[in-house]
Protein backbone atom coordinates (compact mmCIF):
# COMPACT_ATOMS: atom_id res chain seq x y z
CA MET A 1 -3.94 -25.41 -43.73
CA SER A 2 -5.71 -23.97 -40.69
CA GLN A 3 -3.87 -21.76 -38.27
CA THR A 4 -4.43 -21.65 -34.52
CA ARG A 5 -4.42 -18.42 -32.65
CA ASP A 6 -3.23 -17.73 -29.15
CA PRO A 7 -6.46 -17.07 -27.20
CA ASP A 8 -4.59 -14.48 -25.15
CA LEU A 9 -4.10 -12.42 -28.31
CA ILE A 10 -7.80 -12.30 -29.20
CA HIS A 11 -9.09 -8.76 -28.82
CA ILE A 12 -12.75 -8.13 -28.08
CA PRO A 13 -13.68 -4.58 -29.07
CA SER A 14 -15.54 -2.65 -26.42
CA THR A 15 -18.93 -1.13 -27.20
CA ALA A 16 -18.67 1.21 -24.21
CA VAL A 17 -18.39 4.92 -24.92
CA PRO A 18 -16.08 6.90 -22.62
CA ASP A 19 -17.68 9.61 -20.52
CA SER A 20 -14.61 11.80 -20.87
CA ALA A 21 -11.05 11.66 -22.12
CA PRO A 22 -8.64 9.65 -19.91
CA THR A 23 -6.41 11.87 -17.80
CA SER A 24 -4.03 9.37 -16.15
CA THR A 25 -3.61 5.67 -15.49
CA LEU A 26 -5.94 6.01 -12.50
CA VAL A 27 -8.70 7.83 -14.42
CA ASN A 28 -9.59 6.11 -17.70
CA GLY A 29 -12.66 8.23 -18.49
CA TYR A 30 -15.14 5.35 -18.14
CA PHE A 31 -17.36 6.06 -15.15
CA PRO A 32 -19.97 3.60 -13.81
CA ARG A 33 -23.57 4.71 -13.40
CA ARG A 34 -24.12 4.01 -9.72
CA ARG A 35 -21.14 5.91 -8.41
CA GLY A 36 -22.97 6.91 -5.23
CA LEU A 37 -23.67 3.27 -4.39
CA ILE A 38 -20.06 2.28 -5.10
CA ILE A 39 -18.79 5.04 -2.79
CA LEU A 40 -21.28 4.11 -0.05
CA LEU A 41 -20.40 0.41 -0.13
CA SER A 42 -16.66 1.15 -0.27
CA VAL A 43 -16.85 3.51 2.71
CA LEU A 44 -18.91 0.92 4.58
CA GLY A 45 -16.35 -1.76 3.70
CA GLY A 46 -13.48 0.39 4.97
CA PHE A 47 -15.37 1.12 8.18
CA LEU A 48 -16.25 -2.55 8.80
CA LEU A 49 -12.62 -3.46 8.25
CA THR A 50 -11.66 -1.15 11.13
CA VAL A 51 -14.25 -2.90 13.30
CA VAL A 52 -12.92 -6.43 12.72
CA TRP A 53 -9.22 -5.66 12.20
CA SER A 54 -6.95 -7.15 14.84
CA ALA A 55 -3.50 -5.59 14.87
CA GLU A 56 -2.34 -8.20 17.38
CA PHE A 57 -3.28 -11.04 15.03
CA VAL A 58 -1.64 -9.42 11.99
CA ASP A 59 1.48 -8.25 13.83
CA SER A 60 2.02 -11.21 16.15
CA THR A 61 0.34 -14.28 14.68
CA ILE A 62 1.23 -13.52 11.07
CA GLY A 63 4.07 -10.99 11.13
CA ASP A 64 6.12 -12.52 13.96
CA ASN A 65 5.71 -16.08 12.68
CA VAL A 66 6.77 -15.10 9.17
CA ALA A 67 9.82 -13.25 10.51
CA ASN A 68 10.76 -16.03 12.94
CA THR A 69 10.52 -18.65 10.19
CA LEU A 70 12.59 -16.70 7.68
CA LEU A 71 15.25 -15.63 10.19
CA GLY A 72 15.41 -18.96 11.98
CA HIS A 73 15.14 -17.42 15.45
CA ASP A 74 12.85 -15.30 17.59
CA ALA A 75 12.91 -11.96 15.80
CA LYS A 76 11.75 -9.94 18.80
CA GLU A 77 13.94 -11.53 21.43
CA THR A 78 17.18 -11.87 19.46
CA PRO A 79 19.28 -8.70 19.25
CA ILE A 80 20.32 -7.51 15.80
CA ALA A 81 24.02 -8.30 15.67
CA GLY A 82 25.81 -6.24 13.05
CA ILE A 83 24.98 -4.51 9.81
CA ALA A 84 24.55 -7.72 7.78
CA ALA A 85 22.05 -9.08 10.28
CA GLY A 86 20.31 -5.71 10.32
CA ILE A 87 19.96 -5.68 6.54
CA ALA A 88 18.45 -9.17 6.58
CA PHE A 89 16.17 -8.21 9.45
CA ALA A 90 15.02 -5.09 7.57
CA PHE A 91 13.92 -7.03 4.49
CA VAL A 92 12.29 -9.83 6.48
CA SER A 93 10.40 -7.43 8.75
CA GLY A 94 9.17 -5.59 5.66
CA LEU A 95 8.03 -8.90 4.18
CA ALA A 96 6.30 -9.79 7.45
CA GLY A 97 4.55 -6.42 7.39
CA THR A 98 3.11 -7.06 3.94
CA PHE A 99 -0.13 -8.35 5.36
CA THR A 100 -1.74 -5.02 6.13
CA ALA A 101 -4.99 -3.58 4.79
CA CYS A 102 -3.11 -0.53 3.50
CA ASN A 103 -1.49 -2.64 0.80
CA ILE A 104 -4.89 -2.96 -0.86
CA ALA A 105 -4.09 0.50 -2.18
CA ALA A 106 -1.03 -0.80 -3.99
CA PHE A 107 -3.27 -3.21 -5.87
CA GLY A 108 -5.61 -0.33 -6.61
CA ALA A 109 -2.75 1.60 -8.17
CA VAL A 110 -1.75 -1.18 -10.57
CA ALA A 111 -5.24 -2.59 -11.18
CA PRO A 112 -5.76 -0.57 -14.39
CA LEU A 113 -2.80 -2.42 -15.93
CA LEU A 114 -4.62 -5.74 -15.67
CA GLY A 115 -6.26 -4.78 -18.92
CA GLY A 116 -2.99 -4.66 -20.85
CA THR A 117 -2.94 -6.02 -24.36
CA GLY A 118 -0.78 -8.67 -26.01
CA GLY A 119 0.34 -12.15 -25.06
CA ARG A 120 1.40 -13.35 -21.65
CA TRP A 121 5.04 -12.31 -21.85
CA GLN A 122 4.13 -8.90 -23.24
CA ARG A 123 1.62 -8.31 -20.44
CA LEU A 124 4.19 -9.46 -17.91
CA GLY A 125 6.65 -6.89 -19.22
CA GLN A 126 3.95 -4.21 -19.11
CA ALA A 127 3.27 -5.07 -15.48
CA LEU A 128 6.92 -4.84 -14.42
CA LYS A 129 7.21 -1.19 -15.49
CA PRO A 130 4.58 0.26 -13.13
CA LEU A 131 5.92 -1.87 -10.28
CA GLY A 132 9.31 -0.31 -10.95
CA TRP A 133 7.85 3.21 -10.80
CA LEU A 134 6.02 2.24 -7.61
CA ALA A 135 9.39 1.28 -6.13
CA VAL A 136 10.88 4.62 -7.25
CA GLY A 137 8.25 6.49 -5.21
CA MET A 138 8.84 4.27 -2.19
CA LEU A 139 12.60 4.77 -2.33
CA ALA A 140 12.14 8.54 -2.61
CA VAL A 141 10.77 8.36 0.94
CA SER A 142 12.61 5.43 2.52
CA ILE A 143 16.15 6.45 1.54
CA PRO A 144 16.10 10.03 2.93
CA TYR A 145 14.09 8.88 5.96
CA GLY A 146 16.65 6.16 6.65
CA VAL A 147 19.44 8.75 6.43
CA VAL A 148 17.63 10.98 8.93
CA VAL A 149 17.10 8.02 11.29
CA GLY A 150 20.78 7.13 11.07
CA LEU A 151 21.72 10.69 12.01
CA VAL A 152 19.15 11.82 14.61
CA GLY A 153 16.88 8.80 15.13
CA THR A 154 17.43 8.53 18.88
CA ASP A 155 15.71 11.91 19.30
CA MET A 156 12.68 11.01 17.17
CA PRO A 157 9.26 9.98 18.57
CA GLN A 158 9.46 6.50 17.01
CA PHE A 159 12.56 5.71 19.06
CA SER A 160 10.59 5.85 22.30
CA THR A 161 9.35 2.61 23.85
CA ALA A 162 7.48 4.31 26.69
CA PRO A 163 3.90 3.05 27.14
CA ASN A 164 1.16 5.30 25.85
CA PRO A 165 -0.63 6.94 28.81
CA VAL A 166 -4.38 6.46 29.03
CA GLY A 167 -6.31 9.55 28.00
CA GLU A 168 -3.29 11.11 26.29
CA LEU A 169 -1.53 10.98 22.96
CA SER A 170 2.20 10.35 23.00
CA PRO A 171 4.40 12.00 20.35
CA ARG A 172 4.71 8.57 18.72
CA SER A 173 0.92 8.26 18.46
CA ILE A 174 0.57 11.79 17.11
CA GLN A 175 3.16 11.04 14.43
CA SER A 176 1.25 7.91 13.38
CA MET A 177 -2.07 9.77 13.33
CA VAL A 178 -0.75 12.60 11.18
CA VAL A 179 1.05 10.36 8.67
CA PHE A 180 -1.65 7.73 8.27
CA GLY A 181 -4.40 10.35 8.36
CA LEU A 182 -2.86 12.15 5.39
CA VAL A 183 -2.21 8.88 3.57
CA GLY A 184 -5.81 7.77 4.13
CA LEU A 185 -7.25 11.06 2.90
CA ALA A 186 -5.01 10.97 -0.19
CA MET A 187 -6.11 7.43 -1.06
CA THR A 188 -9.76 8.35 -0.56
CA TYR A 189 -9.40 11.34 -2.87
CA LEU A 190 -7.74 9.21 -5.56
CA GLY A 191 -10.59 6.71 -5.30
CA LEU A 192 -13.13 9.49 -5.85
CA ALA A 193 -11.04 10.83 -8.75
CA ALA A 194 -11.05 7.38 -10.39
CA LEU A 195 -14.86 7.57 -10.38
CA GLY A 196 -14.84 11.07 -11.86
CA VAL A 197 -16.41 12.62 -8.76
CA VAL A 198 -13.48 14.97 -8.13
CA ARG A 199 -10.74 16.31 -10.37
CA ASP A 200 -7.85 14.03 -11.26
CA PRO A 201 -4.81 15.54 -9.47
CA PHE A 202 -2.53 14.04 -12.14
CA ALA A 203 -4.47 15.40 -15.12
CA ARG A 204 -1.77 17.88 -16.10
CA ILE A 205 1.44 16.24 -14.97
CA ALA A 206 0.48 12.84 -16.45
CA ARG A 207 0.58 14.33 -19.97
CA ARG A 208 4.33 14.69 -19.64
CA PHE A 209 5.02 12.08 -16.96
CA PRO A 210 2.47 9.26 -17.42
CA ASN A 211 3.99 7.25 -14.55
CA ALA A 212 3.39 10.04 -12.01
CA PRO A 213 0.42 8.24 -10.38
CA MET A 214 2.53 5.13 -9.79
CA VAL A 215 5.35 7.19 -8.27
CA PHE A 216 2.90 8.99 -5.99
CA MET A 217 1.37 5.71 -4.83
CA GLY A 218 4.89 4.55 -4.05
CA VAL A 219 5.41 7.70 -1.97
CA LEU A 220 2.25 6.91 0.01
CA ILE A 221 3.37 3.33 0.66
CA GLY A 222 6.85 4.54 1.57
CA ALA A 223 5.26 6.92 4.07
CA PHE A 224 4.05 3.90 6.04
CA LEU A 225 7.60 3.78 7.42
CA ILE A 226 7.19 7.22 8.97
CA GLY A 227 4.03 6.35 10.86
CA ARG A 228 4.31 2.61 11.38
CA PRO A 229 4.20 1.29 14.99
CA PHE A 230 4.69 -2.35 13.90
CA PRO A 231 6.88 -3.86 16.70
CA LEU A 232 9.40 -5.45 14.33
CA PHE A 233 9.71 -2.18 12.45
CA ARG A 234 10.37 -0.26 15.68
CA GLN A 235 13.06 -2.79 16.52
CA MET A 236 14.72 -2.10 13.17
CA PHE A 237 14.23 1.65 13.65
CA ARG A 238 15.97 1.63 17.01
CA ASP A 239 18.87 -0.44 15.66
CA ALA A 240 19.39 1.98 12.75
CA ALA A 241 19.07 4.99 15.06
CA GLU A 242 21.57 3.62 17.58
CA SER A 243 24.07 2.80 14.83
CA GLY A 244 24.48 6.48 13.95
CA ASN A 245 25.23 5.32 10.40
CA PRO A 246 23.08 7.10 7.75
CA LEU A 247 24.15 4.67 5.00
CA TYR A 248 23.02 1.72 7.08
CA GLY A 249 19.78 3.53 7.85
CA ALA A 250 19.15 4.21 4.15
CA ALA A 251 19.89 0.60 3.17
CA ALA A 252 17.76 -0.86 5.96
CA PHE A 253 14.77 1.35 5.24
CA THR A 254 15.06 0.72 1.51
CA LEU A 255 14.92 -3.05 1.99
CA GLN A 256 12.11 -2.65 4.52
CA SER A 257 10.03 -0.79 1.94
CA LEU A 258 10.78 -3.22 -0.86
CA GLY A 259 10.03 -6.20 1.36
CA ASN A 260 6.67 -4.65 2.15
CA ILE A 261 5.45 -5.06 -1.45
CA VAL A 262 7.18 -8.28 -2.51
CA VAL A 263 4.19 -10.53 -1.91
CA MET A 264 1.79 -8.08 -3.55
CA ALA A 265 4.09 -7.72 -6.57
CA VAL A 266 4.50 -11.49 -6.99
CA LEU A 267 0.75 -12.07 -6.73
CA PHE A 268 0.11 -9.33 -9.25
CA LEU A 269 2.62 -10.75 -11.72
CA ILE A 270 1.16 -14.24 -11.33
CA LEU A 271 -2.32 -12.84 -11.86
CA THR A 272 -1.14 -10.99 -14.96
CA TYR A 273 0.64 -14.02 -16.44
CA VAL A 274 -1.80 -16.81 -15.57
CA VAL A 275 -5.23 -15.23 -15.97
CA GLY A 276 -4.34 -11.96 -17.66
CA GLY A 277 -5.85 -13.02 -20.98
CA ARG A 278 -9.24 -13.74 -19.47
CA LEU A 279 -9.10 -10.54 -17.44
CA GLN A 280 -8.17 -8.63 -20.58
CA ARG A 281 -11.23 -9.93 -22.38
CA TRP A 282 -13.48 -9.33 -19.35
CA ILE A 283 -12.29 -5.72 -19.07
CA ALA A 284 -12.45 -5.13 -22.82
CA VAL A 285 -16.18 -5.85 -22.84
CA ASN A 286 -16.75 -2.97 -20.42
CA PRO A 287 -13.79 -0.77 -19.32
CA ARG A 288 -15.93 0.59 -16.47
CA ARG A 289 -15.20 -2.64 -14.63
CA ILE A 290 -11.56 -1.71 -14.05
CA THR A 291 -12.70 1.73 -12.88
CA VAL A 292 -14.78 0.05 -10.18
CA VAL A 293 -11.90 -2.23 -9.13
CA THR A 294 -9.50 0.72 -8.90
CA ALA A 295 -11.90 3.01 -7.05
CA VAL A 296 -13.05 0.37 -4.56
CA ALA A 297 -9.48 -0.66 -3.70
CA LEU A 298 -8.43 2.95 -3.08
CA LEU A 299 -11.60 3.96 -1.20
CA VAL A 300 -11.62 0.93 1.10
CA ALA A 301 -7.91 1.34 1.90
CA GLY A 302 -8.22 5.11 2.34
CA VAL A 303 -11.27 5.01 4.60
CA PHE A 304 -9.79 2.16 6.64
CA THR A 305 -6.46 3.94 7.08
CA PHE A 306 -8.04 7.21 8.18
CA LEU A 307 -10.66 5.73 10.52
CA TYR A 308 -8.33 3.14 12.05
CA TRP A 309 -5.47 5.53 12.79
CA ASP A 310 -7.33 8.78 13.47
CA VAL A 311 -10.60 7.66 15.08
CA ARG A 312 -10.24 4.13 16.45
CA LEU A 313 -6.86 5.07 17.93
CA LEU A 314 -8.58 7.80 19.96
CA ASP A 315 -10.92 5.15 21.38
CA ARG A 316 -7.99 2.90 22.30
CA ARG A 317 -6.42 5.80 24.17
CA GLU A 318 -9.83 6.43 25.84
CA ILE A 319 -9.95 9.96 24.45
CA ILE A 320 -13.32 9.40 22.75
CA PRO A 321 -16.06 7.43 24.57
CA TRP A 322 -16.59 4.57 22.12
CA TYR A 323 -15.77 3.07 18.74
CA PRO A 324 -17.29 -0.26 17.61
CA THR A 325 -14.79 -3.12 17.58
CA ALA A 326 -15.20 -6.88 17.28
CA PRO A 327 -14.49 -8.93 20.44
CA TRP A 328 -11.28 -10.35 18.95
CA ALA A 329 -10.02 -6.94 17.85
């Protein structure tokens, strides 16, 4: 009697030879030939994204509409009444802020796991673990930052609603530039490390703590809270700061962070479950493919984050003479 086999369990052995031993989940040791071209196109992609990116469209058209629909009222115009409403607002505003280019980096962090082995349910379980470690890194930032906001938030730059003067940088703008500049540079470095151009920063620690790259990516995503000028986020920030309650601040910022990756996590899990078998076979033929996916995601997000927040922002404040932007941006 013939037996059928689950096509998702079919393993295609790779004929590719690794260029070096893998050092972490971000650096698998398989490096593509045309690394210079990949870097050039990724940097160009990140730059072009800054040219066409419209914060008003993402924040207002998408973010506000998502928040208004989920909350059932105008999120900007309706005051946050009480802790329960604030908790709901925190999660919804995080969900509304999902649609940012920076979240490409989160996909870059978990992209190597698309090549997991086994059937659908096994791959799904394998995907949940790194997402959990990603959340650990995010909470390591959002919880203490929420506590600080609950204690001294009214004296922090993000609390200010004063307009940014032309030709000057307000403390709020400087805070955003520093945070997002560092995040962008870190993502760019990790993208180069994935290609084997620079040393893997997790080469030593990953031997003992293999989930360290996922935790660090979570820290970077959690840091968005520290620099983010998203109007709905500032509304939540001010409410937590005025409450003077560090526990409320910690809870609100935790849910804001988690809400920020919900859509990405769901899409990743669907991708893993529905088409994971085909992706597994595609990657197995040549593991360098996942290296390219990982590196491109990190490089595009890193270059975009740095240029948008540390160069284009200077143009918007009329501190530098010109930066190319699309008419709608």
